[in-house]
Amino acid sequence: MSSDYDYWISVSNFTDVGITPRVNCCNFPLNNDELNTITNSYASILNYILEKSIVGPLPVVNHRGLLVLVFKFEIIDNDVKDKRIVSEGGKTIGLLTLFYKIKLDEIFKKLHKKILQQITVWVKQYNNIRDINQVEITKLMDDINQIKVKQKIKH
């Protein structure tokens, strides 16, 4: 179902080589190099993002028709070898990015709080970055789509 959407989700986390995209939905509009560049360019604002908040919409470099929302969370990554992270039980910074076509901007602004609530609930289900895959991202996209559909019905 998510292949029909005009928004996409990617999950990244801080690894030994910086913010690294780990998994994204099907039909993602950016290639891995573009996604890596974008997530690392937004990494500088991670210290300013509060837990349980969304930053954005932000522009997407070289994709004038897209905007992105950024959500920060904590997640365990047992593959990280950095001693500071290992000493914290492998807990790293996770980054959920929701890219969407600019035509959805008004709808997503109206649904900002509901989307934040849905993402917050979704993220709490996962302790380890290994538990998040395309199927799990598709579930979140389906949940967001239901919120979006309900908003359109109200008009």
N, C-alpha and C. Protein backbone atom coordinates (compact mmCIF):
# COMPACT_ATOMS: atom_id res chain seq x y z
N MET A 1 0.80 -1.19 0.00
CA MET A 1 0.00 0.00 0.00
C MET A 1 0.85 1.26 0.00
N SER A 2 1.98 1.27 0.69
CA SER A 2 2.79 2.47 0.81
C SER A 2 3.37 2.93 -0.52
N SER A 3 3.39 2.09 -1.53
CA SER A 3 3.92 2.51 -2.82
C SER A 3 3.05 3.58 -3.45
N ASP A 4 1.79 3.72 -2.99
CA ASP A 4 0.88 4.72 -3.52
C ASP A 4 0.98 6.05 -2.78
N TYR A 5 1.77 6.14 -1.75
CA TYR A 5 1.82 7.34 -0.93
C TYR A 5 2.67 8.42 -1.58
N ASP A 6 2.41 9.65 -1.16
CA ASP A 6 3.23 10.77 -1.60
C ASP A 6 4.05 11.29 -0.42
N TYR A 7 4.39 10.37 0.47
CA TYR A 7 5.32 10.63 1.56
C TYR A 7 6.07 9.33 1.85
N TRP A 8 7.25 9.47 2.45
CA TRP A 8 8.13 8.33 2.67
C TRP A 8 8.84 8.48 3.99
N ILE A 9 9.18 7.36 4.60
CA ILE A 9 9.85 7.37 5.90
C ILE A 9 11.19 6.64 5.82
N SER A 10 12.16 7.22 6.50
CA SER A 10 13.47 6.61 6.63
C SER A 10 13.88 6.66 8.10
N VAL A 11 14.58 5.62 8.55
CA VAL A 11 15.11 5.59 9.91
C VAL A 11 16.62 5.46 9.82
N SER A 12 17.30 6.34 10.54
CA SER A 12 18.76 6.37 10.60
C SER A 12 19.16 6.35 12.06
N ASN A 13 20.43 6.12 12.31
CA ASN A 13 20.93 6.27 13.67
C ASN A 13 22.41 6.61 13.66
N PHE A 14 22.87 7.10 14.81
CA PHE A 14 24.27 7.45 14.97
C PHE A 14 25.07 6.18 15.10
N THR A 15 26.05 6.01 14.22
CA THR A 15 26.92 4.83 14.23
C THR A 15 28.37 5.29 14.37
N ASP A 16 29.28 4.37 14.23
CA ASP A 16 30.71 4.71 14.32
C ASP A 16 31.16 5.64 13.20
N VAL A 17 30.38 5.76 12.14
CA VAL A 17 30.76 6.61 11.01
C VAL A 17 29.82 7.80 10.82
N GLY A 18 29.06 8.12 11.86
CA GLY A 18 28.13 9.25 11.79
C GLY A 18 26.70 8.77 11.66
N ILE A 19 25.80 9.68 11.31
CA ILE A 19 24.40 9.32 11.11
C ILE A 19 24.32 8.46 9.86
N THR A 20 23.76 7.26 10.01
CA THR A 20 23.72 6.29 8.92
C THR A 20 22.28 5.86 8.65
N PRO A 21 21.80 6.06 7.42
CA PRO A 21 20.47 5.53 7.07
C PRO A 21 20.46 4.02 7.21
N ARG A 22 19.44 3.49 7.90
CA ARG A 22 19.38 2.06 8.15
C ARG A 22 18.30 1.37 7.35
N VAL A 23 17.11 1.98 7.29
CA VAL A 23 16.00 1.35 6.57
C VAL A 23 15.03 2.44 6.14
N ASN A 24 14.47 2.26 4.97
CA ASN A 24 13.45 3.18 4.50
C ASN A 24 12.36 2.40 3.78
N CYS A 25 11.26 3.11 3.55
CA CYS A 25 10.11 2.47 2.93
C CYS A 25 10.36 2.14 1.46
N CYS A 26 9.46 1.38 0.89
CA CYS A 26 9.54 1.04 -0.54
C CYS A 26 9.36 2.29 -1.37
N ASN A 27 9.92 2.28 -2.55
CA ASN A 27 9.80 3.38 -3.51
C ASN A 27 10.30 4.71 -2.95
N PHE A 28 11.32 4.65 -2.14
CA PHE A 28 11.89 5.85 -1.55
C PHE A 28 12.45 6.74 -2.65
N PRO A 29 12.16 8.06 -2.62
CA PRO A 29 12.53 8.94 -3.74
C PRO A 29 13.99 9.37 -3.80
N LEU A 30 14.77 9.05 -2.77
CA LEU A 30 16.17 9.46 -2.74
C LEU A 30 17.07 8.23 -2.79
N ASN A 31 18.22 8.37 -3.44
CA ASN A 31 19.17 7.26 -3.39
C ASN A 31 19.95 7.33 -2.09
N ASN A 32 20.72 6.31 -1.77
CA ASN A 32 21.42 6.23 -0.49
C ASN A 32 22.40 7.38 -0.27
N ASP A 33 23.10 7.80 -1.33
CA ASP A 33 24.04 8.91 -1.18
C ASP A 33 23.32 10.20 -0.83
N GLU A 34 22.19 10.47 -1.51
CA GLU A 34 21.40 11.67 -1.21
C GLU A 34 20.87 11.62 0.22
N LEU A 35 20.34 10.48 0.61
CA LEU A 35 19.79 10.33 1.95
C LEU A 35 20.88 10.51 3.00
N ASN A 36 22.03 9.94 2.77
CA ASN A 36 23.15 10.08 3.69
C ASN A 36 23.56 11.55 3.83
N THR A 37 23.65 12.26 2.73
CA THR A 37 24.00 13.68 2.75
C THR A 37 22.97 14.48 3.54
N ILE A 38 21.70 14.21 3.31
CA ILE A 38 20.63 14.95 3.98
C ILE A 38 20.61 14.65 5.47
N THR A 39 20.68 13.39 5.85
CA THR A 39 20.63 13.06 7.28
C THR A 39 21.84 13.63 8.01
N ASN A 40 23.00 13.60 7.39
CA ASN A 40 24.19 14.16 8.04
C ASN A 40 24.14 15.68 8.08
N SER A 41 23.51 16.32 7.10
CA SER A 41 23.40 17.78 7.15
C SER A 41 22.46 18.21 8.26
N TYR A 42 21.45 17.40 8.57
CA TYR A 42 20.54 17.73 9.66
C TYR A 42 21.07 17.24 11.01
N ALA A 43 22.14 16.49 11.01
CA ALA A 43 22.71 15.99 12.27
C ALA A 43 23.15 17.14 13.17
N SER A 44 23.54 18.25 12.58
CA SER A 44 24.00 19.38 13.39
C SER A 44 22.89 19.96 14.25
N ILE A 45 21.63 19.73 13.90
CA ILE A 45 20.53 20.27 14.70
C ILE A 45 20.03 19.26 15.74
N LEU A 46 20.59 18.06 15.76
CA LEU A 46 20.10 17.03 16.68
C LEU A 46 20.18 17.46 18.14
N ASN A 47 21.20 18.21 18.51
CA ASN A 47 21.32 18.66 19.90
C ASN A 47 20.21 19.62 20.28
N TYR A 48 19.57 20.24 19.30
CA TYR A 48 18.52 21.21 19.58
C TYR A 48 17.13 20.60 19.49
N ILE A 49 17.04 19.37 19.04
CA ILE A 49 15.75 18.70 18.93
C ILE A 49 15.42 18.07 20.28
N LEU A 50 14.29 18.42 20.81
CA LEU A 50 13.84 17.84 22.07
C LEU A 50 13.24 16.47 21.81
N GLU A 51 13.32 15.61 22.81
CA GLU A 51 12.64 14.32 22.70
C GLU A 51 11.15 14.59 22.50
N LYS A 52 10.51 13.75 21.77
CA LYS A 52 9.07 13.83 21.51
C LYS A 52 8.68 15.14 20.82
N SER A 53 9.48 15.57 19.87
CA SER A 53 9.12 16.73 19.07
C SER A 53 9.55 16.48 17.62
N ILE A 54 8.88 17.18 16.73
CA ILE A 54 9.22 17.09 15.31
C ILE A 54 9.77 18.44 14.89
N VAL A 55 10.86 18.42 14.15
CA VAL A 55 11.41 19.63 13.57
C VAL A 55 11.04 19.64 12.10
N GLY A 56 10.59 20.76 11.65
CA GLY A 56 10.25 20.90 10.24
C GLY A 56 8.87 21.46 10.07
N PRO A 57 8.52 21.64 8.83
CA PRO A 57 9.17 21.10 7.64
C PRO A 57 10.46 21.84 7.29
N LEU A 58 11.41 21.07 6.79
CA LEU A 58 12.69 21.57 6.31
C LEU A 58 12.81 21.25 4.83
N PRO A 59 13.54 22.08 4.09
CA PRO A 59 13.73 21.79 2.66
C PRO A 59 14.62 20.58 2.46
N VAL A 60 14.45 19.91 1.33
CA VAL A 60 15.27 18.75 0.97
C VAL A 60 16.20 19.19 -0.16
N VAL A 61 17.49 19.16 0.12
CA VAL A 61 18.50 19.60 -0.84
C VAL A 61 18.35 18.85 -2.17
N ASN A 62 18.35 19.59 -3.26
CA ASN A 62 18.27 19.06 -4.64
C ASN A 62 16.94 18.38 -4.96
N HIS A 63 15.93 18.58 -4.11
CA HIS A 63 14.60 18.04 -4.36
C HIS A 63 13.58 19.11 -4.01
N ARG A 64 13.41 20.06 -4.91
CA ARG A 64 12.58 21.23 -4.65
C ARG A 64 11.13 20.89 -4.34
N GLY A 65 10.65 19.76 -4.76
CA GLY A 65 9.27 19.38 -4.53
C GLY A 65 9.03 18.62 -3.24
N LEU A 66 10.08 18.48 -2.41
CA LEU A 66 9.96 17.70 -1.17
C LEU A 66 10.30 18.54 0.06
N LEU A 67 9.63 18.18 1.15
CA LEU A 67 9.94 18.72 2.48
C LEU A 67 10.18 17.53 3.40
N VAL A 68 10.78 17.79 4.56
CA VAL A 68 11.07 16.71 5.50
C VAL A 68 10.76 17.15 6.93
N LEU A 69 10.22 16.22 7.70
CA LEU A 69 10.04 16.36 9.14
C LEU A 69 11.06 15.44 9.80
N VAL A 70 11.67 15.90 10.90
CA VAL A 70 12.72 15.15 11.58
C VAL A 70 12.30 14.88 13.02
N PHE A 71 12.40 13.63 13.44
CA PHE A 71 12.06 13.20 14.79
C PHE A 71 13.25 12.45 15.37
N LYS A 72 13.69 12.86 16.56
CA LYS A 72 14.84 12.24 17.23
C LYS A 72 14.35 11.30 18.33
N PHE A 73 15.02 10.17 18.48
CA PHE A 73 14.69 9.21 19.54
C PHE A 73 15.94 8.44 19.92
N GLU A 74 15.85 7.65 20.97
CA GLU A 74 16.97 6.81 21.38
C GLU A 74 16.70 5.38 20.97
N ILE A 75 17.76 4.69 20.54
CA ILE A 75 17.63 3.30 20.09
C ILE A 75 18.96 2.59 20.36
N ILE A 76 18.91 1.33 20.63
CA ILE A 76 20.13 0.54 20.85
C ILE A 76 20.64 0.02 19.52
N ASP A 77 21.95 0.14 19.34
CA ASP A 77 22.62 -0.43 18.17
C ASP A 77 23.84 -1.19 18.68
N ASN A 78 23.73 -2.51 18.71
CA ASN A 78 24.82 -3.34 19.23
C ASN A 78 26.03 -3.39 18.32
N ASP A 79 25.90 -2.88 17.09
CA ASP A 79 27.03 -2.89 16.16
C ASP A 79 27.98 -1.72 16.39
N VAL A 80 27.56 -0.71 17.13
CA VAL A 80 28.42 0.45 17.38
C VAL A 80 29.51 0.06 18.37
N LYS A 81 30.74 0.41 18.05
CA LYS A 81 31.89 0.03 18.89
C LYS A 81 32.45 1.20 19.70
N ASP A 82 31.96 2.41 19.47
CA ASP A 82 32.42 3.58 20.21
C ASP A 82 32.23 3.32 21.70
N LYS A 83 33.31 3.44 22.47
CA LYS A 83 33.28 3.09 23.89
C LYS A 83 32.26 3.91 24.68
N ARG A 84 32.06 5.17 24.28
CA ARG A 84 31.08 6.02 24.98
C ARG A 84 29.67 5.46 24.81
N ILE A 85 29.38 4.94 23.63
CA ILE A 85 28.05 4.39 23.36
C ILE A 85 27.92 3.00 23.99
N VAL A 86 28.96 2.20 23.87
CA VAL A 86 28.95 0.86 24.49
C VAL A 86 28.73 0.99 26.00
N SER A 87 29.37 1.99 26.62
CA SER A 87 29.21 2.17 28.07
C SER A 87 27.79 2.57 28.46
N GLU A 88 27.03 3.05 27.50
CA GLU A 88 25.61 3.41 27.73
C GLU A 88 24.68 2.29 27.27
N GLY A 89 25.21 1.09 27.14
CA GLY A 89 24.39 -0.05 26.75
C GLY A 89 24.07 -0.09 25.27
N GLY A 90 24.86 0.64 24.48
CA GLY A 90 24.64 0.65 23.03
C GLY A 90 23.59 1.65 22.58
N LYS A 91 23.13 2.49 23.49
CA LYS A 91 22.08 3.46 23.17
C LYS A 91 22.63 4.59 22.31
N THR A 92 22.01 4.80 21.16
CA THR A 92 22.43 5.85 20.24
C THR A 92 21.24 6.76 19.91
N ILE A 93 21.54 7.80 19.20
CA ILE A 93 20.50 8.70 18.70
C ILE A 93 19.93 8.10 17.42
N GLY A 94 18.60 7.98 17.40
CA GLY A 94 17.89 7.56 16.20
C GLY A 94 17.25 8.77 15.55
N LEU A 95 17.02 8.67 14.27
CA LEU A 95 16.44 9.77 13.51
C LEU A 95 15.40 9.20 12.56
N LEU A 96 14.15 9.60 12.73
CA LEU A 96 13.10 9.24 11.80
C LEU A 96 12.84 10.47 10.95
N THR A 97 12.97 10.31 9.64
CA THR A 97 12.71 11.41 8.72
C THR A 97 11.50 11.04 7.87
N LEU A 98 10.57 11.97 7.80
CA LEU A 98 9.37 11.78 7.02
C LEU A 98 9.43 12.80 5.89
N PHE A 99 9.68 12.30 4.68
CA PHE A 99 9.75 13.14 3.49
C PHE A 99 8.37 13.16 2.85
N TYR A 100 7.96 14.33 2.36
CA TYR A 100 6.66 14.39 1.71
C TYR A 100 6.65 15.44 0.60
N LYS A 101 5.73 15.22 -0.34
CA LYS A 101 5.58 16.17 -1.44
C LYS A 101 5.02 17.48 -0.89
N ILE A 102 5.52 18.56 -1.43
CA ILE A 102 5.17 19.89 -0.94
C ILE A 102 3.66 20.15 -0.99
N LYS A 103 2.95 19.48 -1.88
CA LYS A 103 1.49 19.67 -1.97
C LYS A 103 0.77 19.21 -0.70
N LEU A 104 1.43 18.41 0.14
CA LEU A 104 0.83 17.93 1.38
C LEU A 104 1.13 18.85 2.57
N ASP A 105 1.83 19.94 2.34
CA ASP A 105 2.30 20.77 3.44
C ASP A 105 1.18 21.26 4.35
N GLU A 106 0.11 21.76 3.81
CA GLU A 106 -1.00 22.25 4.64
C GLU A 106 -1.61 21.12 5.47
N ILE A 107 -1.82 19.97 4.85
CA ILE A 107 -2.38 18.83 5.58
C ILE A 107 -1.44 18.40 6.70
N PHE A 108 -0.14 18.28 6.39
CA PHE A 108 0.81 17.83 7.41
C PHE A 108 0.96 18.86 8.53
N LYS A 109 0.85 20.14 8.22
CA LYS A 109 0.90 21.16 9.27
C LYS A 109 -0.30 21.02 10.20
N LYS A 110 -1.47 20.77 9.65
CA LYS A 110 -2.68 20.59 10.46
C LYS A 110 -2.59 19.32 11.31
N LEU A 111 -1.92 18.31 10.79
CA LEU A 111 -1.84 17.01 11.46
C LEU A 111 -0.56 16.85 12.29
N HIS A 112 0.20 17.91 12.40
CA HIS A 112 1.50 17.87 13.06
C HIS A 112 1.44 17.15 14.41
N LYS A 113 0.52 17.55 15.27
CA LYS A 113 0.42 16.97 16.61
C LYS A 113 0.03 15.49 16.55
N LYS A 114 -0.90 15.14 15.68
CA LYS A 114 -1.34 13.74 15.57
C LYS A 114 -0.23 12.86 15.00
N ILE A 115 0.50 13.40 14.03
CA ILE A 115 1.64 12.65 13.47
C ILE A 115 2.71 12.44 14.53
N LEU A 116 2.98 13.48 15.30
CA LEU A 116 3.95 13.37 16.39
C LEU A 116 3.52 12.29 17.38
N GLN A 117 2.26 12.27 17.75
CA GLN A 117 1.75 11.25 18.68
C GLN A 117 1.93 9.85 18.08
N GLN A 118 1.61 9.70 16.81
CA GLN A 118 1.71 8.38 16.17
C GLN A 118 3.16 7.92 16.09
N ILE A 119 4.06 8.82 15.73
CA ILE A 119 5.48 8.46 15.65
C ILE A 119 6.00 8.10 17.04
N THR A 120 5.62 8.87 18.05
CA THR A 120 6.07 8.61 19.42
C THR A 120 5.64 7.22 19.89
N VAL A 121 4.41 6.86 19.64
CA VAL A 121 3.90 5.52 20.00
C VAL A 121 4.66 4.46 19.22
N TRP A 122 4.85 4.68 17.93
CA TRP A 122 5.52 3.70 17.06
C TRP A 122 6.95 3.45 17.53
N VAL A 123 7.70 4.51 17.79
CA VAL A 123 9.11 4.39 18.19
C VAL A 123 9.26 3.62 19.49
N LYS A 124 8.33 3.80 20.42
CA LYS A 124 8.41 3.14 21.73
C LYS A 124 8.37 1.61 21.61
N GLN A 125 7.91 1.10 20.49
CA GLN A 125 7.82 -0.35 20.31
C GLN A 125 9.18 -1.01 20.11
N TYR A 126 10.18 -0.23 19.80
CA TYR A 126 11.47 -0.78 19.38
C TYR A 126 12.58 -0.41 20.34
N ASN A 127 13.31 -1.42 20.80
CA ASN A 127 14.48 -1.21 21.63
C ASN A 127 15.75 -1.15 20.80
N ASN A 128 15.81 -1.96 19.75
CA ASN A 128 17.02 -2.13 18.97
C ASN A 128 16.76 -1.75 17.52
N ILE A 129 17.73 -1.10 16.91
CA ILE A 129 17.60 -0.67 15.51
C ILE A 129 17.34 -1.86 14.60
N ARG A 130 17.80 -3.04 14.99
CA ARG A 130 17.58 -4.25 14.18
C ARG A 130 16.11 -4.63 14.08
N ASP A 131 15.29 -4.16 15.02
CA ASP A 131 13.87 -4.50 15.02
C ASP A 131 13.05 -3.68 14.02
N ILE A 132 13.65 -2.63 13.49
CA ILE A 132 12.93 -1.76 12.56
C ILE A 132 13.28 -2.18 11.13
N ASN A 133 12.25 -2.53 10.36
CA ASN A 133 12.46 -2.94 8.97
C ASN A 133 11.38 -2.31 8.09
N GLN A 134 11.40 -2.65 6.80
CA GLN A 134 10.42 -2.07 5.87
C GLN A 134 8.99 -2.38 6.26
N VAL A 135 8.74 -3.57 6.75
CA VAL A 135 7.38 -3.94 7.16
C VAL A 135 6.90 -3.04 8.29
N GLU A 136 7.77 -2.79 9.26
CA GLU A 136 7.41 -1.94 10.40
C GLU A 136 7.20 -0.49 9.96
N ILE A 137 8.03 -0.02 9.05
CA ILE A 137 7.86 1.34 8.53
C ILE A 137 6.55 1.44 7.75
N THR A 138 6.22 0.42 7.00
CA THR A 138 4.96 0.42 6.25
C THR A 138 3.76 0.51 7.20
N LYS A 139 3.86 -0.15 8.35
CA LYS A 139 2.78 -0.06 9.35
C LYS A 139 2.61 1.39 9.81
N LEU A 140 3.71 2.07 10.07
CA LEU A 140 3.64 3.47 10.49
C LEU A 140 3.05 4.32 9.37
N MET A 141 3.47 4.07 8.15
CA MET A 141 2.93 4.83 7.02
C MET A 141 1.43 4.60 6.89
N ASP A 142 0.98 3.38 7.09
CA ASP A 142 -0.45 3.09 7.05
C ASP A 142 -1.20 3.85 8.14
N ASP A 143 -0.61 3.90 9.34
CA ASP A 143 -1.24 4.63 10.44
C ASP A 143 -1.33 6.13 10.12
N ILE A 144 -0.26 6.69 9.58
CA ILE A 144 -0.27 8.11 9.20
C ILE A 144 -1.28 8.35 8.08
N ASN A 145 -1.37 7.40 7.17
CA ASN A 145 -2.33 7.55 6.08
C ASN A 145 -3.76 7.60 6.62
N GLN A 146 -4.05 6.79 7.63
CA GLN A 146 -5.39 6.80 8.23
C GLN A 146 -5.70 8.17 8.84
N ILE A 147 -4.72 8.76 9.49
CA ILE A 147 -4.88 10.10 10.05
C ILE A 147 -5.14 11.10 8.93
N LYS A 148 -4.37 10.97 7.86
CA LYS A 148 -4.49 11.88 6.71
C LYS A 148 -5.86 11.73 6.04
N VAL A 149 -6.33 10.51 5.88
CA VAL A 149 -7.63 10.26 5.26
C VAL A 149 -8.74 10.86 6.11
N LYS A 150 -8.66 10.68 7.43
CA LYS A 150 -9.67 11.24 8.33
C LYS A 150 -9.71 12.77 8.21
N GLN A 151 -8.55 13.39 8.06
CA GLN A 151 -8.49 14.85 7.92
C GLN A 151 -9.19 15.29 6.64
N LYS A 152 -8.98 14.56 5.55
CA LYS A 152 -9.61 14.91 4.28
C LYS A 152 -11.13 14.74 4.34
N ILE A 153 -11.58 13.74 5.09
CA ILE A 153 -13.02 13.48 5.21
C ILE A 153 -13.69 14.61 5.95
N LYS A 154 -13.01 15.21 6.92
CA LYS A 154 -13.60 16.29 7.72
C LYS A 154 -13.88 17.54 6.88
N HIS A 155 -13.21 17.69 5.75
CA HIS A 155 -13.41 18.90 4.94
C HIS A 155 -14.56 18.78 4.02
